[in-house]
């Protein structure tokens, strides 16, 4: 069993409230989960308006598949026009 994880730090330029931040994050989380079937959540900076840390996990029986899923998730997050990826960290367990 392979568990792939990625932690993604993002900035949300132009956000003026926690309500707006949560709307953007919630929308992205739902789309990623639906498209890739991964577990995803906001895991840090919950009270910061313009910053968020997302945690993503995928379980697979092959490392190659886990790598492909994580790469797809990262492409989707990086393509998000309302967010800027600051940093990310991938781990395979």
Protein backbone atom coordinates (compact mmCIF):
# COMPACT_ATOMS: atom_id res chain seq x y z
CA UNK A 1 0.00 0.00 0.00
CA UNK A 2 1.30 3.44 -0.99
CA UNK A 3 0.09 6.63 0.65
CA UNK A 4 0.95 9.82 -1.20
CA UNK A 5 0.58 13.16 0.49
CA UNK A 6 1.13 16.73 -0.55
CA UNK A 7 0.99 19.84 1.59
CA UNK A 8 0.37 23.00 -0.43
CA UNK A 9 0.80 26.57 0.83
CA UNK A 10 -1.23 29.09 -1.16
CA UNK A 11 -1.76 32.84 -1.11
CA UNK A 12 -5.15 34.29 -1.96
CA UNK A 13 -4.56 37.80 -3.30
CA UNK A 14 -7.47 40.18 -3.17
CA UNK A 15 -9.32 38.36 -0.40
CA UNK A 16 -10.88 40.82 2.06
CA UNK A 17 -12.57 38.49 4.56
CA UNK A 18 -12.50 35.00 6.01
CA UNK A 19 -15.89 34.38 4.44
CA UNK A 20 -14.51 35.05 0.95
CA UNK A 21 -11.43 32.92 1.66
CA UNK A 22 -13.56 30.00 2.81
CA UNK A 23 -15.78 30.29 -0.28
CA UNK A 24 -12.76 30.04 -2.59
CA UNK A 25 -11.15 27.21 -0.63
CA UNK A 26 -14.38 25.22 -0.28
CA UNK A 27 -15.01 25.43 -4.02
CA UNK A 28 -11.50 24.20 -4.84
CA UNK A 29 -11.65 21.38 -2.28
CA UNK A 30 -14.92 20.07 -3.73
CA UNK A 31 -13.64 20.16 -7.32
CA UNK A 32 -10.36 18.41 -6.46
CA UNK A 33 -12.13 15.75 -4.42
CA UNK A 34 -14.69 15.07 -7.15
CA UNK A 35 -12.17 14.91 -9.97
CA UNK A 36 -9.41 12.88 -8.28
CA UNK A 37 -11.12 11.00 -5.42
CA UNK A 38 -8.55 12.16 -2.88
CA UNK A 39 -8.89 13.32 0.69
CA UNK A 40 -8.27 17.08 0.87
CA UNK A 41 -8.70 19.68 3.59
CA UNK A 42 -7.49 23.07 4.75
CA UNK A 43 -4.98 22.11 7.44
CA UNK A 44 -3.40 25.38 8.60
CA UNK A 45 -3.72 29.19 8.58
CA UNK A 46 -7.46 28.85 9.18
CA UNK A 47 -7.76 32.37 10.62
CA UNK A 48 -5.56 34.10 8.05
CA UNK A 49 -7.44 35.89 5.26
CA UNK A 50 -4.90 35.61 2.49
CA UNK A 51 -3.07 32.39 3.27
CA UNK A 52 -4.05 28.73 3.41
CA UNK A 53 -2.36 25.37 3.70
CA UNK A 54 -4.04 22.42 2.02
CA UNK A 55 -3.36 18.78 2.79
CA UNK A 56 -4.04 16.10 0.18
CA UNK A 57 -3.77 12.32 0.55
CA UNK A 58 -4.19 9.47 -1.92
CA UNK A 59 -3.98 5.73 -1.24
CA UNK A 60 -2.92 3.41 -4.05
CA UNK A 61 -1.37 0.04 -4.67
CA UNK A 62 1.23 1.56 -7.04
CA UNK A 63 3.60 4.45 -6.51
CA UNK A 64 3.29 5.48 -10.16
CA UNK A 65 -0.48 5.91 -9.80
CA UNK A 66 -0.11 7.93 -6.59
CA UNK A 67 2.47 10.17 -8.31
CA UNK A 68 0.12 10.73 -11.26
CA UNK A 69 -2.81 11.64 -9.01
CA UNK A 70 -0.72 14.08 -6.96
CA UNK A 71 0.68 15.64 -10.14
CA UNK A 72 -2.87 16.12 -11.44
CA UNK A 73 -3.99 17.70 -8.18
CA UNK A 74 -1.02 20.08 -8.27
CA UNK A 75 -1.75 21.08 -11.87
CA UNK A 76 -5.36 21.85 -10.91
CA UNK A 77 -4.36 23.94 -7.88
CA UNK A 78 -1.65 25.80 -9.82
CA UNK A 79 -4.15 26.60 -12.60
CA UNK A 80 -6.55 28.18 -10.12
CA UNK A 81 -6.69 31.88 -11.09
CA UNK A 82 -7.60 33.12 -7.60
CA UNK A 83 -4.69 31.40 -5.84
CA UNK A 84 -0.92 31.48 -5.99
CA UNK A 85 1.03 28.37 -4.92
CA UNK A 86 3.86 29.49 -2.64
CA UNK A 87 5.31 26.10 -1.73
CA UNK A 88 4.44 22.42 -1.67
CA UNK A 89 5.89 19.24 -0.22
CA UNK A 90 5.21 15.73 -1.56
CA UNK A 91 5.76 12.58 0.49
CA UNK A 92 5.26 8.92 -0.34
CA UNK A 93 4.81 6.50 2.53
